[in-house]
Amino acid sequence: MNFEKLDGVAARYEEVGELLMDPAVTGSPDRYRDLMKEYKRLTPVVEKYREYMAAQKDADEARSLMEEAGLERDFREMVEAQYAESREKLEKYGEELKILLLPKDPNDEKNVIIEIRGGAGGEESALFAASLMRMYLMYAETRRWKTEVLNLNETELGGVKEASFSVEGEGAYSRLKYESGVHRVQRVPETESQGRIHTSTATVAVLPEADEVELEIDPGDLQIDTYRASGAGGQHVNKTESAIRITYLPTGLVVECQDERSQYKNKDKAMKILRSRLYEQKISEQNEAIASERRLQVGTGSRSERIRTYNFPQGRVTDHRIGLTLYKIDAIMNGALDELIDALITFAEAEKLRESEG
C-alpha cells in the first residue's frame, strides 16, 4: 500500500475542505465549483483510507495483547477473534483502495449525449431503437438524471430512425459509457404475421458532452442550412423551415436537428451534438495509439462492435463482452440496467488493476 501517496491525498482533502469555507473561494463560483468537484472525488478515497487505518490500529492493539503472557483463555480467544477480523478488514479495504486509486477517466463526471440509430432489419430495427431510447430514458429517471430530446426522427409505426438526447446528472458518463456499440434484438416483430423470430440491430453512441471552453469551433468551418422538417407527422412538420443542418467543413461531419419549432433552438441543439461528436473524435484519436497496443477492453470498443443481445422468446439479455446473461428482459427494457452496468464496471476495474499490477 502506497501510504505516502495516501497521506498526500488525505492532506489535500483537508486543505480543500478548508478552502471551501474561505470567503474568497465562496465568492468565486467557478473556483468553488472546481474545488467542490475535487472534494467529492477525494472523499471516497479518504474515507476508505481512514477505515483502513482504523482497522490497522485495531490489529496492532490485538497483536500487542496477544503477545502478553498470562491472559485468561476467554479473553485471549476474544482478542484473537478481533485480530482475525481486523486482518480481514485490512485485506478488503486494501483491495478497495487499490481500485479507488486507479487513474480515473477524465470524462466520468461529464453529462452525455446518447445517439441511437436503427440498423439492420428495416422497420423492426427502428422499433427496437425506440425501445432502447425508452429504456435509457427510464434508467435516467430511476437515477434522477435530467434528460432532453435533442433530435428525433420517427417512422409511421412509432419506430426511431435516429434520435439524440442529453442526459445530465452526477456520474452519467461513468455509467453510460459502456452502452456504446451494436445492440441486437431477437423477437417476433409486430409486423410479422407468421410468428417467425427476426434478428435486428440498433447502434448506440454515448458521447461525453463538451463545454465550449474545451472545444473551440471556428464559425468559418460551419455550413448551416435550413430545411423543412419531415417525419411521421405533427403540427409543425413540413410547414416552416425550422429544421437545421450543420456541416463541419474540415471533416464533412453533418448534424441535423428538427425537433423544435424554433430554428434557433434547433441550431443550439445541433451545435451541442456537433461539439460532443468532435470532442469524442478528439479523445478517440488520443487513445488510438494506446488502444492498438492492448487487448480490447470494456468501454473501449468501437460502435461497430456487437455488445449485447436481447432475446425476447427466451426472456434473456446477454452482454457478450463479459459473458453475462440475465433472465429479466422485461425489467431491463423498463430501465433496470444497474446490474448489467455494475458488472461491466467491476470487470473494467479488474482489468485496470491487473494491468497496473502487471
Protein backbone atom coordinates (compact mmCIF):
# COMPACT_ATOMS: atom_id res chain seq x y z
CA MET A 1 0.00 0.00 0.00
CA ASN A 2 1.42 3.39 -1.00
CA PHE A 3 0.95 5.21 2.33
CA GLU A 4 2.95 8.23 1.19
CA LYS A 5 0.54 8.81 -1.67
CA LEU A 6 -2.49 8.23 0.58
CA ASP A 7 -1.13 10.64 3.21
CA GLY A 8 -0.79 13.23 0.44
CA VAL A 9 -4.37 12.60 -0.70
CA ALA A 10 -5.65 12.98 2.88
CA ALA A 11 -3.69 16.23 3.35
CA ARG A 12 -5.08 17.64 0.12
CA TYR A 13 -8.60 16.63 1.20
CA GLU A 14 -8.24 18.62 4.43
CA GLU A 15 -6.78 21.57 2.52
CA VAL A 16 -9.66 21.62 0.02
CA GLY A 17 -12.18 21.36 2.87
CA GLU A 18 -10.70 24.49 4.47
CA LEU A 19 -10.60 26.34 1.14
CA LEU A 20 -14.33 25.65 0.60
CA MET A 21 -15.03 27.71 3.74
CA ASP A 22 -12.82 30.60 2.63
CA PRO A 23 -14.92 33.69 1.71
CA ALA A 24 -12.57 34.40 -1.20
CA VAL A 25 -13.46 30.98 -2.66
CA THR A 26 -17.20 31.05 -1.91
CA GLY A 27 -17.33 34.41 -3.69
CA SER A 28 -15.87 32.87 -6.86
CA PRO A 29 -18.46 30.45 -8.34
CA ASP A 30 -16.06 28.85 -10.84
CA ARG A 31 -13.32 28.18 -8.28
CA TYR A 32 -15.84 26.96 -5.71
CA ARG A 33 -17.36 24.57 -8.28
CA ASP A 34 -13.94 23.15 -9.25
CA LEU A 35 -12.89 22.67 -5.61
CA MET A 36 -16.21 21.03 -4.74
CA LYS A 37 -15.71 18.57 -7.61
CA GLU A 38 -12.21 17.76 -6.28
CA TYR A 39 -13.55 17.38 -2.73
CA LYS A 40 -16.25 14.95 -3.87
CA ARG A 41 -13.66 12.99 -5.90
CA LEU A 42 -11.27 12.70 -2.93
CA THR A 43 -13.94 11.88 -0.31
CA PRO A 44 -14.36 8.11 -1.02
CA VAL A 45 -10.57 7.62 -1.08
CA VAL A 46 -10.01 9.41 2.23
CA GLU A 47 -12.96 7.71 3.94
CA LYS A 48 -11.70 4.29 2.86
CA TYR A 49 -8.14 5.19 3.96
CA ARG A 50 -9.46 6.16 7.40
CA GLU A 51 -11.29 2.83 7.64
CA TYR A 52 -8.07 1.07 6.66
CA MET A 53 -6.02 2.93 9.29
CA ALA A 54 -8.66 2.22 11.98
CA ALA A 55 -8.50 -1.50 11.13
CA GLN A 56 -4.69 -1.34 11.23
CA LYS A 57 -4.84 0.22 14.71
CA ASP A 58 -7.24 -2.48 15.93
CA ALA A 59 -4.97 -5.20 14.50
CA ASP A 60 -1.87 -3.70 16.16
CA GLU A 61 -3.62 -3.42 19.53
CA ALA A 62 -4.87 -7.01 19.33
CA ARG A 63 -1.43 -8.30 18.36
CA SER A 64 0.17 -6.49 21.32
CA LEU A 65 -2.34 -8.03 23.71
CA MET A 66 -1.77 -11.50 22.24
CA GLU A 67 1.95 -11.17 22.96
CA GLU A 68 1.30 -10.62 26.67
CA ALA A 69 1.71 -13.59 28.97
CA GLY A 70 -0.90 -14.81 31.42
CA LEU A 71 -4.06 -13.82 29.53
CA GLU A 72 -7.21 -15.62 30.55
CA ARG A 73 -8.38 -18.12 27.96
CA ASP A 74 -11.71 -16.43 27.20
CA PHE A 75 -10.09 -13.01 26.86
CA ARG A 76 -7.33 -14.42 24.62
CA GLU A 77 -9.92 -16.03 22.33
CA MET A 78 -11.78 -12.70 22.10
CA VAL A 79 -8.55 -10.85 21.23
CA GLU A 80 -7.61 -13.47 18.62
CA ALA A 81 -11.07 -13.11 17.02
CA GLN A 82 -10.64 -9.32 16.96
CA TYR A 83 -7.22 -9.70 15.35
CA ALA A 84 -8.56 -12.06 12.66
CA GLU A 85 -11.47 -9.73 11.93
CA SER A 86 -9.13 -6.72 11.67
CA ARG A 87 -6.85 -8.61 9.27
CA GLU A 88 -9.85 -9.47 7.05
CA LYS A 89 -10.88 -5.82 7.02
CA LEU A 90 -7.33 -4.75 6.12
CA GLU A 91 -7.30 -7.08 3.14
CA LYS A 92 -10.76 -5.94 1.99
CA TYR A 93 -10.08 -2.22 2.44
CA GLY A 94 -6.68 -2.57 0.80
CA GLU A 95 -8.22 -4.02 -2.38
CA GLU A 96 -10.89 -1.30 -2.39
CA LEU A 97 -8.22 1.38 -2.00
CA LYS A 98 -6.26 -0.02 -4.95
CA ILE A 99 -9.36 0.38 -7.14
CA LEU A 100 -10.09 3.88 -5.82
CA LEU A 101 -6.51 4.92 -6.62
CA LEU A 102 -6.65 3.73 -10.23
CA PRO A 103 -6.44 6.56 -12.79
CA LYS A 104 -9.92 7.93 -13.47
CA ASP A 105 -11.40 8.64 -16.88
CA PRO A 106 -11.40 12.47 -17.02
CA ASN A 107 -14.82 12.35 -18.69
CA ASP A 108 -16.52 10.24 -15.99
CA GLU A 109 -18.32 13.15 -14.34
CA LYS A 110 -19.49 14.67 -17.62
CA ASN A 111 -23.05 14.77 -18.87
CA VAL A 112 -23.65 12.77 -22.04
CA ILE A 113 -25.40 12.81 -25.37
CA ILE A 114 -26.79 9.46 -26.47
CA GLU A 115 -27.38 8.83 -30.18
CA ILE A 116 -29.46 5.83 -31.27
CA ARG A 117 -29.94 4.69 -34.86
CA GLY A 118 -31.90 1.81 -36.34
CA GLY A 119 -29.60 -0.66 -38.08
CA ALA A 120 -30.19 -3.89 -39.99
CA GLY A 121 -33.80 -5.04 -40.01
CA GLY A 122 -35.89 -2.27 -41.54
CA GLU A 123 -38.95 -1.16 -39.57
CA GLU A 124 -38.28 -3.72 -36.81
CA SER A 125 -34.84 -2.16 -36.18
CA ALA A 126 -36.49 1.26 -35.90
CA LEU A 127 -38.99 -0.13 -33.37
CA PHE A 128 -36.10 -1.69 -31.42
CA ALA A 129 -34.26 1.67 -31.47
CA ALA A 130 -37.39 3.25 -29.96
CA SER A 131 -37.40 0.54 -27.25
CA LEU A 132 -33.74 1.28 -26.43
CA MET A 133 -34.43 5.01 -26.23
CA ARG A 134 -37.30 4.34 -23.82
CA MET A 135 -35.03 2.02 -21.77
CA TYR A 136 -32.35 4.69 -21.33
CA LEU A 137 -34.86 7.45 -20.54
CA MET A 138 -36.44 5.22 -17.87
CA TYR A 139 -33.00 4.37 -16.47
CA ALA A 140 -32.13 8.07 -16.26
CA GLU A 141 -35.38 8.64 -14.39
CA THR A 142 -34.50 6.00 -11.78
CA ARG A 143 -31.21 7.83 -11.14
CA ARG A 144 -32.92 11.22 -11.14
CA TRP A 145 -30.91 12.44 -14.07
CA LYS A 146 -32.33 15.15 -16.30
CA THR A 147 -32.96 14.27 -19.96
CA GLU A 148 -33.76 16.36 -23.03
CA VAL A 149 -34.55 15.12 -26.53
CA LEU A 150 -32.29 16.94 -28.99
CA ASN A 151 -33.38 15.30 -32.24
CA LEU A 152 -35.97 12.67 -33.09
CA ASN A 153 -36.71 11.19 -36.50
CA GLU A 154 -39.61 8.74 -36.16
CA THR A 155 -41.29 6.29 -38.52
CA GLU A 156 -45.01 5.95 -39.22
CA LEU A 157 -45.26 2.94 -36.85
CA GLY A 158 -43.59 4.76 -33.95
CA GLY A 159 -40.08 3.48 -34.56
CA VAL A 160 -36.96 5.63 -34.43
CA LYS A 161 -34.74 6.09 -37.50
CA GLU A 162 -32.37 8.16 -35.38
CA ALA A 163 -32.57 10.02 -32.10
CA SER A 164 -30.28 12.13 -29.93
CA PHE A 165 -30.92 13.10 -26.32
CA SER A 166 -28.86 14.55 -23.50
CA VAL A 167 -28.53 13.07 -20.01
CA GLU A 168 -27.42 15.38 -17.21
CA GLY A 169 -26.54 14.11 -13.75
CA GLU A 170 -23.76 13.01 -11.43
CA GLY A 171 -21.64 10.26 -12.97
CA ALA A 172 -23.77 9.99 -16.13
CA TYR A 173 -20.83 9.22 -18.44
CA SER A 174 -19.13 6.91 -15.92
CA ARG A 175 -22.13 4.57 -16.05
CA LEU A 176 -23.49 5.03 -19.56
CA LYS A 177 -20.18 4.91 -21.48
CA TYR A 178 -20.36 1.10 -21.62
CA GLU A 179 -23.52 1.27 -23.75
CA SER A 180 -21.75 2.34 -26.98
CA GLY A 181 -21.91 -0.32 -29.68
CA VAL A 182 -24.32 -2.50 -31.64
CA HIS A 183 -27.33 -3.87 -29.74
CA ARG A 184 -29.07 -6.91 -31.27
CA VAL A 185 -32.67 -7.99 -30.74
CA GLN A 186 -34.25 -11.39 -31.43
CA ARG A 187 -38.05 -11.34 -31.30
CA VAL A 188 -41.25 -11.76 -33.31
CA PRO A 189 -41.92 -8.32 -34.84
CA GLU A 190 -45.36 -6.73 -34.57
CA THR A 191 -45.41 -6.71 -38.37
CA GLU A 192 -44.75 -10.48 -38.61
CA SER A 193 -47.93 -12.41 -39.38
CA GLN A 194 -46.47 -15.93 -39.24
CA GLY A 195 -44.81 -15.69 -35.84
CA ARG A 196 -41.24 -16.01 -37.08
CA ILE A 197 -38.38 -14.68 -34.96
CA HIS A 198 -36.41 -11.90 -36.63
CA THR A 199 -32.97 -10.56 -35.76
CA SER A 200 -32.44 -6.79 -35.97
CA THR A 201 -29.89 -4.31 -34.70
CA ALA A 202 -29.61 -0.73 -33.50
CA THR A 203 -26.49 1.32 -32.85
CA VAL A 204 -25.92 3.32 -29.67
CA ALA A 205 -23.26 6.02 -29.28
CA VAL A 206 -22.59 7.64 -25.90
CA LEU A 207 -20.73 10.94 -26.24
CA PRO A 208 -19.30 12.95 -23.34
CA GLU A 209 -20.77 16.43 -23.53
CA ALA A 210 -18.12 19.00 -24.41
CA ASP A 211 -18.02 22.51 -22.98
CA GLU A 212 -17.35 25.44 -25.29
CA VAL A 213 -14.13 26.09 -23.36
CA GLU A 214 -12.86 22.57 -24.08
CA LEU A 215 -13.53 22.72 -27.80
CA GLU A 216 -13.48 25.92 -29.79
CA ILE A 217 -15.16 25.75 -33.19
CA ASP A 218 -14.34 28.32 -35.86
CA PRO A 219 -17.66 29.65 -37.25
CA GLY A 220 -15.95 29.76 -40.65
CA ASP A 221 -15.73 25.96 -40.57
CA LEU A 222 -19.52 25.61 -40.42
CA GLN A 223 -22.06 25.46 -43.22
CA ILE A 224 -25.55 25.97 -41.78
CA ASP A 225 -28.61 25.12 -43.88
CA THR A 226 -32.31 25.29 -43.04
CA TYR A 227 -34.96 22.95 -44.40
CA ARG A 228 -38.49 21.84 -43.71
CA ALA A 229 -38.88 19.22 -41.02
CA SER A 230 -40.01 15.79 -42.11
CA GLY A 231 -41.17 12.76 -40.22
CA ALA A 232 -44.16 10.74 -39.16
CA GLY A 233 -46.35 13.77 -38.57
CA GLY A 234 -47.03 16.61 -36.18
CA GLN A 235 -48.30 20.15 -36.43
CA HIS A 236 -45.04 21.80 -37.46
CA VAL A 237 -43.83 19.15 -39.92
CA ASN A 238 -43.32 20.44 -43.48
CA LYS A 239 -44.76 23.89 -42.70
CA THR A 240 -41.76 26.04 -41.81
CA GLU A 241 -38.05 25.81 -42.50
CA SER A 242 -37.22 25.33 -38.81
CA ALA A 243 -35.00 22.26 -39.23
CA ILE A 244 -31.25 22.84 -39.13
CA ARG A 245 -28.42 21.00 -40.86
CA ILE A 246 -24.86 21.89 -39.82
CA THR A 247 -21.90 20.63 -41.85
CA TYR A 248 -18.45 20.79 -40.27
CA LEU A 249 -16.46 21.55 -43.41
CA PRO A 250 -12.98 20.28 -42.33
CA THR A 251 -14.29 16.71 -41.98
CA GLY A 252 -17.69 16.74 -43.68
CA LEU A 253 -19.43 15.74 -40.44
CA VAL A 254 -23.17 16.50 -40.68
CA VAL A 255 -25.56 17.11 -37.77
CA GLU A 256 -29.29 17.64 -38.18
CA CYS A 257 -31.92 18.78 -35.71
CA GLN A 258 -35.64 19.21 -36.39
CA ASP A 259 -37.24 18.51 -33.03
CA GLU A 260 -38.15 22.10 -32.13
CA ARG A 261 -40.43 24.58 -33.88
CA SER A 262 -37.82 27.26 -33.34
CA GLN A 263 -34.94 27.45 -35.81
CA TYR A 264 -32.74 28.98 -33.09
CA LYS A 265 -33.46 26.17 -30.61
CA ASN A 266 -32.70 23.58 -33.28
CA LYS A 267 -29.42 25.33 -34.04
CA ASP A 268 -28.43 25.33 -30.35
CA LYS A 269 -29.22 21.63 -30.04
CA ALA A 270 -27.39 20.79 -33.28
CA MET A 271 -24.30 22.66 -32.05
CA LYS A 272 -24.46 20.73 -28.77
CA ILE A 273 -24.42 17.43 -30.69
CA LEU A 274 -21.68 18.62 -33.08
CA ARG A 275 -19.45 19.78 -30.24
CA SER A 276 -19.79 16.43 -28.45
CA ARG A 277 -19.08 14.42 -31.61
CA LEU A 278 -15.96 16.46 -32.34
CA TYR A 279 -14.83 16.12 -28.71
CA GLU A 280 -15.30 12.34 -28.86
CA GLN A 281 -13.28 12.18 -32.10
CA LYS A 282 -10.51 14.14 -30.40
CA ILE A 283 -10.48 11.77 -27.39
CA SER A 284 -10.61 8.71 -29.69
CA GLU A 285 -7.60 9.93 -31.66
CA GLN A 286 -5.65 10.49 -28.43
CA ASN A 287 -6.47 6.97 -27.23
CA GLU A 288 -5.99 5.19 -30.55
CA ALA A 289 -2.27 4.55 -30.09
CA ILE A 290 -2.82 3.12 -26.60
CA ALA A 291 -5.82 1.00 -27.63
CA SER A 292 -3.92 -0.57 -30.52
CA GLU A 293 -1.30 -1.89 -28.08
CA ARG A 294 -3.67 -3.60 -25.67
CA ARG A 295 -6.48 -6.10 -25.71
CA LEU A 296 -9.89 -4.62 -26.43
CA GLN A 297 -11.40 -3.72 -23.09
CA VAL A 298 -14.91 -2.97 -21.89
CA GLY A 299 -15.74 0.60 -22.76
CA THR A 300 -13.09 1.00 -25.46
CA GLY A 301 -14.85 -0.95 -28.20
CA SER A 302 -15.96 0.69 -31.42
CA ARG A 303 -19.57 1.44 -32.29
CA SER A 304 -19.48 -1.36 -34.86
CA GLU A 305 -18.84 -3.97 -32.16
CA ARG A 306 -21.85 -6.11 -31.17
CA ILE A 307 -22.04 -5.73 -27.42
CA ARG A 308 -25.41 -7.13 -26.33
CA THR A 309 -28.28 -9.37 -27.43
CA TYR A 310 -31.88 -9.05 -26.24
CA ASN A 311 -33.67 -12.36 -26.82
CA PHE A 312 -37.39 -11.91 -26.13
CA PRO A 313 -38.61 -15.50 -26.71
CA GLN A 314 -36.17 -16.75 -24.05
CA GLY A 315 -36.53 -13.66 -21.85
CA ARG A 316 -32.79 -13.12 -21.64
CA VAL A 317 -30.25 -10.36 -22.16
CA THR A 318 -26.62 -11.31 -22.83
CA ASP A 319 -23.67 -8.93 -22.68
CA HIS A 320 -21.06 -10.50 -24.95
CA ARG A 321 -18.09 -8.53 -23.59
CA ILE A 322 -18.24 -10.16 -20.16
CA GLY A 323 -20.35 -13.24 -20.92
CA LEU A 324 -23.14 -12.19 -18.54
CA THR A 325 -26.70 -13.42 -19.17
CA LEU A 326 -29.67 -12.17 -17.15
CA TYR A 327 -33.15 -13.68 -17.46
CA LYS A 328 -35.02 -10.47 -16.71
CA ILE A 329 -35.56 -8.85 -20.09
CA ASP A 330 -38.80 -7.06 -19.12
CA ALA A 331 -37.18 -5.33 -16.14
CA ILE A 332 -34.14 -4.35 -18.21
CA MET A 333 -36.26 -2.91 -21.03
CA ASN A 334 -38.04 -0.88 -18.32
CA GLY A 335 -34.77 0.72 -17.27
CA ALA A 336 -33.37 -1.72 -14.69
CA LEU A 337 -29.82 -1.50 -16.02
CA ASP A 338 -27.81 -1.24 -12.80
CA GLU A 339 -26.99 -4.96 -12.50
CA LEU A 340 -25.59 -5.01 -16.06
CA ILE A 341 -23.70 -1.74 -15.66
CA ASP A 342 -22.29 -2.66 -12.23
CA ALA A 343 -20.94 -5.92 -13.70
CA LEU A 344 -19.31 -4.03 -16.58
CA ILE A 345 -17.72 -1.52 -14.19
CA THR A 346 -16.39 -4.32 -11.96
CA PHE A 347 -14.88 -6.09 -14.99
CA ALA A 348 -13.28 -2.86 -16.27
CA GLU A 349 -11.80 -2.10 -12.83
CA ALA A 350 -10.41 -5.63 -12.53
CA GLU A 351 -8.75 -5.25 -15.95
CA LYS A 352 -7.18 -1.92 -14.95
CA LEU A 353 -5.98 -3.39 -11.65
CA ARG A 354 -4.46 -6.38 -13.44
CA GLU A 355 -2.61 -4.05 -15.84
CA SER A 356 -1.37 -1.77 -13.05
CA GLU A 357 -0.01 -4.74 -11.10
CA GLY A 358 1.43 -6.37 -14.21
